[in-house]
Amino acid sequence: MATIYTVSQLNNEIKDLLDAVPGYRGLMVQGEISNYKAHSSGHHYMTLKDENAAINAVMFRSDAMRLKFRLQNGMKVIVKARVSSFPRTGAVQLYVSEIIPDGAGALNLAFEQLKAKLQAEGLFSERYKKPIPSCPDSIALVTSPTGAAVRDMIRILGRRWPLAKVVLYPAQVQGQGAAESIARAIALANAIGEADVILCGRGGGSMEDLWAFNEEVTARAIFTSEIPVISAVGHEPDFTIADFVADLRAPTPSGAAELAVPDRAECALNLRALDARLHTAAHRRAEQQRKLLDGLQERLSNRTPMKYIEEKRLLLSQTEERLFSAVPVRLETERNRLNGLQQRLLAAGQSGLHRRKLRFAQTVATLDAMSPLRVLGRGYAVATKGVKHTVVTDAAALKQGDTLHIQFAKGAANCRVTDIEEDK
């Protein structure tokens, strides 16, 4: 008689049969992801298909945590899985433990995915790049304390710019937890706040060795740093996410040290060149100012008050000379003119001279006849009194004791009145 199975029994027997086949454990299956869903529990559900068939697949949280990239529909992958069935539905499916991108490595895919994500958020934008100080006083090194990179950076920094203080912030730069260690070191440097610039990196290695600098936690720590960050990861061909986010990318750790500080030898050479240029410029400037001053002094000497006075003094001397030369000539001219006038007067007045002399004689005779002296000469006298010599013409105006001044034709006398005789 045929065995009768319940559905549960059948599904479990199918599962046991599939699990018992050694070749169904560790299968490598190639296909394209569709119907992808990431559950809140951390499990990933999907369908793996090709042109002719499809099979369901699940990747549990414990395995999904090791993924370096994000799954998405249409992605061609190679999965490592075991074939089994789900007893509740009897569905045969793949239980995936590892997923590898088909045609590109998992790390490369993860790199491109994170790069696209952060670029879309603007973390690579130039407008967020902070300037690197030209002469930092303090430099923070975020790297492994035991690697060759830290020794190279310290050596180059000391040779190029020994004035800068170099502080090491140790970090794990490879392996599990390295990204978080780098992020903590950057945060610590910012919290202390004494560094002017941060050099973050490590020496060369494979992509797996450098992967800590491709982690999102590292990228965001660099982006949020208030102190400018120079990335110094690997060698020249190596590019990491940290290089795109950092304020400046250096090709190597040694190159980062050279970019972080100036070269004191070059600075000394530049200072000497600047000093020579300064002296030349100062000499040229002084010469220009001296010529300008000489010109001003010459112009001032031509316009000085003393120059004006000298010119006027010279003009005065010339005028005096002309005047002294002209006076004798003018006098001689006037003398000649006067002589000419005298001669003309003599010539013109000879005829009237006799008449003028006759009239003068008559006038003199008349005046002589009318002169008081002529009267006094005939025996008369003039009596005056007082300090004002008032002429006395009436005896009644006198009294005894008055003093009179008697003027004769020749001489005079002072007399006292003793007796008065009135006019009868």
Protein backbone atom coordinates (compact mmCIF):
# COMPACT_ATOMS: atom_id res chain seq x y z
CA MET A 1 0.00 0.00 0.00
CA ALA A 2 1.39 3.45 -0.94
CA THR A 3 2.62 5.69 1.87
CA ILE A 4 0.41 8.67 2.58
CA TYR A 5 2.28 11.92 3.46
CA THR A 6 0.98 15.05 4.98
CA VAL A 7 2.06 18.22 3.21
CA SER A 8 4.35 19.05 6.10
CA GLN A 9 5.91 15.60 5.98
CA LEU A 10 6.45 15.83 2.23
CA ASN A 11 7.96 19.29 2.39
CA ASN A 12 10.27 18.29 5.21
CA GLU A 13 11.34 15.14 3.33
CA ILE A 14 12.05 17.23 0.24
CA LYS A 15 14.13 19.59 2.39
CA ASP A 16 16.01 16.65 3.90
CA LEU A 17 16.70 15.20 0.48
CA LEU A 18 18.05 18.49 -0.81
CA ASP A 19 20.15 19.05 2.29
CA ALA A 20 21.61 15.55 2.00
CA VAL A 21 23.09 16.18 -1.45
CA PRO A 22 26.72 17.32 -0.96
CA GLY A 23 26.82 19.08 -4.30
CA TYR A 24 23.98 21.38 -3.25
CA ARG A 25 26.13 22.87 -0.52
CA GLY A 26 28.53 25.68 -1.61
CA LEU A 27 27.02 26.06 -5.09
CA MET A 28 28.17 28.98 -7.26
CA VAL A 29 25.17 30.31 -9.18
CA GLN A 30 25.24 33.10 -11.74
CA GLY A 31 22.21 35.27 -12.36
CA GLU A 32 20.49 38.66 -12.23
CA ILE A 33 18.84 40.04 -9.11
CA SER A 34 15.16 40.92 -9.27
CA ASN A 35 12.34 41.44 -6.75
CA TYR A 36 14.98 42.58 -4.27
CA LYS A 37 13.84 43.56 -0.78
CA ALA A 38 15.87 44.40 2.33
CA HIS A 39 13.80 43.44 5.37
CA SER A 40 13.88 45.45 8.60
CA SER A 41 15.26 42.36 10.33
CA GLY A 42 18.42 42.66 8.24
CA HIS A 43 17.63 39.73 5.94
CA HIS A 44 17.76 40.25 2.18
CA TYR A 45 15.17 38.60 -0.12
CA MET A 46 15.48 38.41 -3.89
CA THR A 47 14.95 36.35 -7.04
CA LEU A 48 17.93 35.16 -9.04
CA LYS A 49 17.11 34.71 -12.73
CA ASP A 50 18.51 34.23 -16.20
CA GLU A 51 16.86 34.25 -19.63
CA ASN A 52 14.93 31.02 -19.06
CA ALA A 53 14.37 30.45 -15.35
CA ALA A 54 14.26 31.97 -11.88
CA ILE A 55 14.79 30.84 -8.29
CA ASN A 56 14.11 32.55 -5.01
CA ALA A 57 17.03 33.39 -2.73
CA VAL A 58 17.54 34.71 0.77
CA MET A 59 20.61 36.11 2.52
CA PHE A 60 20.36 36.19 6.28
CA ARG A 61 21.51 39.15 8.36
CA SER A 62 24.68 37.46 9.66
CA ASP A 63 25.92 36.96 6.10
CA ALA A 64 24.57 40.29 4.78
CA MET A 65 26.67 42.25 7.29
CA ARG A 66 29.79 41.26 5.33
CA LEU A 67 28.55 42.86 2.08
CA LYS A 68 30.77 45.68 0.80
CA PHE A 69 28.14 47.03 -1.59
CA ARG A 70 24.41 47.54 -1.82
CA LEU A 71 22.24 45.06 -3.68
CA GLN A 72 19.86 46.37 -6.30
CA ASN A 73 17.58 45.04 -9.02
CA GLY A 74 19.21 44.30 -12.35
CA MET A 75 22.61 43.64 -10.80
CA LYS A 76 24.40 40.64 -12.30
CA VAL A 77 26.02 38.61 -9.57
CA ILE A 78 27.59 35.26 -8.72
CA VAL A 79 26.30 33.88 -5.42
CA LYS A 80 27.70 31.23 -3.18
CA ALA A 81 24.74 29.38 -1.72
CA ARG A 82 23.20 26.05 -0.71
CA VAL A 83 19.98 24.64 -2.23
CA SER A 84 17.17 23.83 0.19
CA SER A 85 13.45 24.28 0.57
CA PHE A 86 11.19 26.17 2.90
CA PRO A 87 8.92 23.54 4.52
CA ARG A 88 6.03 25.94 5.10
CA THR A 89 5.54 26.53 1.38
CA GLY A 90 7.61 23.74 -0.10
CA ALA A 91 9.40 26.32 -2.25
CA VAL A 92 12.92 25.44 -3.30
CA GLN A 93 15.30 28.41 -2.83
CA LEU A 94 18.90 29.40 -2.45
CA TYR A 95 20.32 30.28 0.96
CA VAL A 96 23.07 32.74 0.03
CA SER A 97 26.21 33.19 2.13
CA GLU A 98 28.24 35.39 -0.25
CA ILE A 99 27.55 37.59 -3.27
CA ILE A 100 30.13 38.70 -5.82
CA PRO A 101 29.32 41.21 -8.58
CA ASP A 102 29.59 39.56 -11.95
CA GLY A 103 32.18 41.38 -14.08
CA ALA A 104 33.43 43.64 -11.25
CA GLY A 105 34.80 42.96 -7.82
CA ALA A 106 32.66 43.56 -4.77
CA LEU A 107 35.02 46.23 -3.46
CA ASN A 108 35.03 48.07 -6.78
CA LEU A 109 31.27 48.03 -6.86
CA ALA A 110 31.03 49.20 -3.26
CA PHE A 111 33.51 51.99 -4.04
CA GLU A 112 31.51 53.24 -7.01
CA GLN A 113 28.23 53.03 -5.14
CA LEU A 114 29.49 55.01 -2.14
CA LYS A 115 31.25 57.49 -4.41
CA ALA A 116 28.01 58.15 -6.31
CA LYS A 117 26.04 58.50 -3.08
CA LEU A 118 28.40 60.97 -1.40
CA GLN A 119 28.87 62.94 -4.60
CA ALA A 120 25.10 63.32 -4.89
CA GLU A 121 25.04 64.65 -1.32
CA GLY A 122 27.67 67.26 -2.19
CA LEU A 123 30.50 65.94 -0.01
CA PHE A 124 32.95 66.31 -2.90
CA SER A 125 31.93 69.88 -3.76
CA GLU A 126 34.71 72.47 -3.99
CA ARG A 127 32.62 75.00 -2.06
CA TYR A 128 33.10 72.92 1.09
CA LYS A 129 36.88 72.68 0.72
CA LYS A 130 38.74 74.54 3.46
CA PRO A 131 42.00 76.35 2.66
CA ILE A 132 45.23 74.76 3.83
CA PRO A 133 47.34 77.11 6.00
CA SER A 134 50.62 78.07 4.37
CA CYS A 135 52.72 77.96 7.56
CA PRO A 136 50.99 75.77 10.17
CA ASP A 137 52.16 75.96 13.79
CA SER A 138 50.76 72.54 14.71
CA ILE A 139 50.11 69.44 12.57
CA ALA A 140 48.03 66.39 13.50
CA LEU A 141 48.93 63.01 12.02
CA VAL A 142 46.06 60.49 11.91
CA THR A 143 47.72 57.22 10.98
CA SER A 144 49.23 54.06 12.36
CA PRO A 145 51.98 54.77 14.90
CA THR A 146 54.03 51.79 13.68
CA GLY A 147 53.88 52.16 9.89
CA ALA A 148 56.55 53.48 7.56
CA ALA A 149 54.22 56.30 6.53
CA VAL A 150 54.33 58.03 9.92
CA ARG A 151 58.13 57.92 9.98
CA ASP A 152 58.33 59.42 6.49
CA MET A 153 55.91 62.21 7.36
CA ILE A 154 57.67 63.12 10.61
CA ARG A 155 61.07 63.11 8.88
CA ILE A 156 59.94 65.32 6.00
CA LEU A 157 58.04 67.72 8.25
CA GLY A 158 61.08 68.12 10.48
CA ARG A 159 63.38 68.72 7.54
CA ARG A 160 61.15 71.16 5.69
CA TRP A 161 59.60 73.13 8.54
CA PRO A 162 60.97 72.31 12.02
CA LEU A 163 59.03 75.21 13.54
CA ALA A 164 55.79 73.21 13.36
CA LYS A 165 54.67 71.03 16.26
CA VAL A 166 53.74 67.51 15.11
CA VAL A 167 51.20 65.53 17.19
CA LEU A 168 50.36 61.90 16.41
CA TYR A 169 46.77 60.71 16.84
CA PRO A 170 47.15 56.91 16.54
CA ALA A 171 44.55 55.05 14.49
CA GLN A 172 44.03 51.57 13.12
CA VAL A 173 44.32 51.86 9.34
CA GLN A 174 43.55 48.29 8.22
CA GLY A 175 41.15 45.53 9.12
CA GLN A 176 37.87 45.31 10.98
CA GLY A 177 37.04 48.53 12.87
CA ALA A 178 39.75 50.59 11.13
CA ALA A 179 37.29 53.11 9.67
CA GLU A 180 35.77 53.77 13.10
CA SER A 181 39.28 54.17 14.59
CA ILE A 182 40.21 56.76 11.95
CA ALA A 183 36.96 58.64 12.53
CA ARG A 184 37.58 58.73 16.31
CA ALA A 185 41.13 60.08 15.81
CA ILE A 186 39.89 62.88 13.53
CA ALA A 187 37.17 63.77 16.05
CA LEU A 188 39.73 63.83 18.88
CA ALA A 189 42.02 66.18 16.95
CA ASN A 190 39.07 68.51 16.40
CA ALA A 191 38.05 68.30 20.06
CA ILE A 192 41.54 69.26 21.26
CA GLY A 193 41.65 71.95 18.58
CA GLU A 194 45.36 72.83 18.61
CA ALA A 195 46.18 71.53 15.13
CA ASP A 196 46.08 73.80 12.09
CA VAL A 197 45.91 70.91 9.62
CA ILE A 198 45.34 67.14 9.74
CA LEU A 199 47.30 64.63 7.64
CA CYS A 200 45.22 61.45 7.40
CA GLY A 201 46.45 58.34 5.61
CA ARG A 202 48.72 55.35 5.42
CA GLY A 203 51.23 53.69 3.10
CA GLY A 204 50.43 51.67 0.02
CA GLY A 205 48.67 48.33 -0.20
CA SER A 206 45.94 46.43 -1.96
CA MET A 207 42.41 47.74 -2.27
CA GLU A 208 41.45 45.58 0.67
CA ASP A 209 44.31 47.07 2.73
CA LEU A 210 43.19 50.62 1.92
CA TRP A 211 39.50 49.90 2.35
CA ALA A 212 39.16 51.75 5.69
CA PHE A 213 39.58 54.98 3.71
CA ASN A 214 36.70 53.97 1.44
CA GLU A 215 34.24 53.55 4.30
CA GLU A 216 31.38 56.01 4.71
CA VAL A 217 32.19 56.63 8.38
CA THR A 218 35.69 57.78 7.43
CA ALA A 219 34.38 60.01 4.65
CA ARG A 220 31.86 61.73 6.92
CA ALA A 221 34.44 62.24 9.68
CA ILE A 222 36.72 64.02 7.19
CA PHE A 223 33.84 66.10 5.81
CA THR A 224 32.66 67.28 9.25
CA SER A 225 36.18 68.11 10.47
CA GLU A 226 36.55 71.81 11.26
CA ILE A 227 40.31 71.46 10.78
CA PRO A 228 41.46 71.19 7.13
CA VAL A 229 42.31 67.60 6.16
CA ILE A 230 44.96 66.44 3.67
CA SER A 231 44.42 62.84 2.55
CA ALA A 232 47.61 60.79 2.27
CA VAL A 233 46.60 57.26 1.24
CA GLY A 234 48.71 54.75 -0.68
CA HIS A 235 50.55 55.62 -3.86
CA GLU A 236 49.93 57.96 -6.79
CA PRO A 237 47.52 55.63 -8.70
CA ASP A 238 45.47 54.85 -5.60
CA PHE A 239 42.27 56.83 -5.19
CA THR A 240 40.01 56.45 -2.16
CA ILE A 241 36.77 58.04 -1.06
CA ALA A 242 38.83 59.96 1.52
CA ASP A 243 40.71 61.64 -1.35
CA PHE A 244 37.48 63.04 -2.80
CA VAL A 245 36.15 64.30 0.54
CA ALA A 246 39.40 65.76 1.90
CA ASP A 247 40.22 69.43 1.49
CA LEU A 248 43.41 68.46 -0.38
CA ARG A 249 44.59 65.15 -1.84
CA ALA A 250 48.26 64.14 -1.69
CA PRO A 251 49.53 61.25 -3.84
CA THR A 252 51.49 59.72 -0.94
CA PRO A 253 52.07 60.32 2.79
CA SER A 254 55.43 61.89 1.93
CA GLY A 255 53.70 64.12 -0.61
CA ALA A 256 51.20 65.16 2.07
CA ALA A 257 54.01 66.27 4.36
CA GLU A 258 55.51 68.34 1.53
CA LEU A 259 52.14 69.93 0.78
CA ALA A 260 51.44 70.70 4.43
CA VAL A 261 54.47 72.89 5.14
CA PRO A 262 56.79 75.16 3.18
CA ASP A 263 60.45 74.34 2.62
CA ARG A 264 62.61 76.45 4.92
CA ALA A 265 65.46 76.43 2.38
CA GLU A 266 63.15 77.81 -0.30
CA CYS A 267 61.76 80.33 2.18
CA ALA A 268 65.27 81.50 3.04
CA LEU A 269 66.10 81.81 -0.66
CA ASN A 270 62.87 83.71 -1.30
CA LEU A 271 63.56 85.99 1.66
CA ARG A 272 67.00 86.81 0.31
CA ALA A 273 65.53 87.51 -3.11
CA LEU A 274 62.81 89.67 -1.56
CA ASP A 275 65.41 91.48 0.53
CA ALA A 276 67.46 92.23 -2.57
CA ARG A 277 64.36 93.41 -4.43
CA LEU A 278 63.37 95.54 -1.45
CA HIS A 279 66.79 97.19 -1.32
CA THR A 280 66.74 97.80 -5.07
CA ALA A 281 63.23 99.21 -4.91
CA ALA A 282 64.11 101.37 -1.89
CA HIS A 283 67.24 102.70 -3.64
CA ARG A 284 65.28 103.40 -6.81
CA ARG A 285 62.55 105.08 -4.81
CA ALA A 286 65.05 107.18 -2.87
CA GLU A 287 66.73 108.22 -6.11
CA GLN A 288 63.40 109.21 -7.60
CA GLN A 289 62.50 111.21 -4.52
CA ARG A 290 65.94 112.84 -4.50
CA LYS A 291 65.50 113.95 -8.11
CA LEU A 292 62.04 115.22 -7.29
CA LEU A 293 63.41 117.13 -4.29
CA ASP A 294 66.18 118.64 -6.41
CA GLY A 295 63.61 119.76 -8.93
CA LEU A 296 61.45 121.28 -6.22
CA GLN A 297 64.43 123.03 -4.68
CA GLU A 298 65.39 124.46 -8.06
CA ARG A 299 61.84 125.64 -8.66
CA LEU A 300 61.68 127.06 -5.14
CA SER A 301 65.00 128.88 -5.54
CA ASN A 302 63.59 130.54 -8.65
CA ARG A 303 60.50 131.61 -6.75
CA THR A 304 61.94 132.42 -3.31
CA PRO A 305 61.26 135.88 -1.80
CA MET A 306 65.01 136.49 -1.63
CA LYS A 307 65.22 135.86 -5.35
CA TYR A 308 62.43 138.38 -5.87
CA ILE A 309 64.19 140.89 -3.62
CA GLU A 310 67.45 140.37 -5.47
CA GLU A 311 65.72 140.98 -8.78
CA LYS A 312 64.09 144.16 -7.44
CA ARG A 313 67.41 145.29 -5.89
CA LEU A 314 69.08 144.84 -9.26
CA LEU A 315 66.27 146.76 -10.94
CA LEU A 316 66.64 149.52 -8.34
CA SER A 317 70.39 149.70 -8.94
CA GLN A 318 69.81 149.94 -12.68
CA THR A 319 67.18 152.63 -12.13
CA GLU A 320 69.56 154.58 -9.84
CA GLU A 321 72.27 154.39 -12.45
CA ARG A 322 69.89 155.63 -15.13
CA LEU A 323 68.65 158.37 -12.79
CA PHE A 324 72.13 159.53 -11.84
CA SER A 325 73.05 159.54 -15.51
CA ALA A 326 69.91 161.43 -16.50
CA VAL A 327 70.02 164.20 -13.81
CA PRO A 328 73.13 166.02 -15.11
CA VAL A 329 71.77 165.82 -18.59
CA ARG A 330 68.38 167.10 -17.43
CA LEU A 331 70.02 169.88 -15.41
CA GLU A 332 72.11 170.91 -18.37
CA THR A 333 69.05 170.86 -20.57
CA GLU A 334 67.04 172.96 -18.12
CA ARG A 335 69.98 175.35 -17.61
CA ASN A 336 70.23 175.88 -21.33
CA ARG A 337 66.47 176.36 -21.55
CA LEU A 338 66.61 178.91 -18.69
CA ASN A 339 69.46 180.81 -20.31
CA GLY A 340 67.51 180.96 -23.49
CA LEU A 341 64.48 182.31 -21.65
CA GLN A 342 66.62 184.93 -19.89
CA GLN A 343 68.08 186.07 -23.15
CA ARG A 344 64.64 186.30 -24.71
CA LEU A 345 63.37 188.25 -21.69
CA LEU A 346 66.31 190.65 -21.80
CA ALA A 347 65.84 191.16 -25.50
CA ALA A 348 62.10 191.62 -25.12
CA GLY A 349 62.28 193.88 -22.01
CA GLN A 350 64.99 196.40 -22.84
CA SER A 351 62.47 198.89 -24.19
CA GLY A 352 60.21 198.82 -21.16
CA LEU A 353 62.93 198.77 -18.54
CA HIS A 354 63.32 202.56 -18.40
CA ARG A 355 59.58 203.04 -17.93
CA ARG A 356 59.51 200.52 -15.11
CA LYS A 357 62.46 202.25 -13.42
CA LEU A 358 60.71 205.65 -13.66
CA ARG A 359 57.48 204.32 -12.19
CA PHE A 360 59.48 202.66 -9.42
CA ALA A 361 61.24 205.93 -8.58
CA GLN A 362 57.93 207.77 -8.44
CA THR A 363 56.49 205.15 -6.18
CA VAL A 364 59.48 205.31 -3.85
CA ALA A 365 59.21 209.10 -3.70
CA THR A 366 55.54 208.90 -2.84
CA LEU A 367 56.14 206.28 -0.13
CA ASP A 368 59.00 208.33 1.29
CA ALA A 369 56.81 211.39 1.49
CA MET A 370 54.14 209.43 3.31
CA SER A 371 56.59 207.71 5.71
CA PRO A 372 56.22 208.57 9.46
CA LEU A 373 59.96 208.79 9.61
CA ARG A 374 59.74 211.71 7.20
CA VAL A 375 57.29 213.40 9.69
CA LEU A 376 59.47 212.60 12.65
CA GLY A 377 62.38 214.00 10.75
CA ARG A 378 60.65 217.35 10.75
CA GLY A 379 60.70 217.47 14.59
CA TYR A 380 57.65 215.43 15.52
CA ALA A 381 57.60 212.32 17.88
CA VAL A 382 55.27 209.39 18.55
CA ALA A 383 54.20 208.65 22.15
CA THR A 384 53.04 205.11 23.13
CA LYS A 385 52.23 203.48 26.45
CA GLY A 386 51.82 200.00 27.82
CA VAL A 387 53.24 196.75 26.76
CA LYS A 388 51.17 196.90 23.61
CA HIS A 389 52.64 200.32 22.74
CA THR A 390 49.27 201.96 22.30
CA VAL A 391 49.68 205.27 20.47
CA VAL A 392 48.67 208.25 22.71
CA THR A 393 46.83 210.94 20.78
CA ASP A 394 44.88 212.53 23.66
CA ALA A 395 46.46 213.84 26.85
CA ALA A 396 43.20 213.21 28.67
CA ALA A 397 43.97 209.50 28.40
CA LEU A 398 47.02 209.95 30.65
CA LYS A 399 47.44 210.33 34.36
CA GLN A 400 50.29 211.33 36.51
CA GLY A 401 52.90 208.59 36.93
CA ASP A 402 52.21 206.89 33.54
CA THR A 403 55.27 205.84 31.62
CA LEU A 404 55.45 206.81 28.00
CA HIS A 405 57.68 205.60 25.21
CA ILE A 406 58.70 208.46 22.95
CA GLN A 407 59.91 207.50 19.42
CA PHE A 408 61.98 210.21 17.69
CA ALA A 409 63.30 210.30 14.16
CA LYS A 410 66.51 208.92 15.59
CA GLY A 411 66.26 206.98 18.79
CA ALA A 412 63.62 206.82 21.57
CA ALA A 413 63.16 207.59 25.28
CA ASN A 414 60.98 206.39 28.18
CA CYS A 415 59.39 209.29 30.14
CA ARG A 416 57.14 209.57 33.26
CA VAL A 417 54.10 211.90 33.22
CA THR A 418 54.31 214.57 35.95
CA ASP A 419 51.77 217.02 34.71
CA ILE A 420 48.91 216.87 32.18
CA GLU A 421 47.68 219.80 30.06
CA GLU A 422 44.33 219.38 28.42
CA ASP A 423 43.59 220.76 24.91
CA LYS A 424 42.43 224.39 24.97
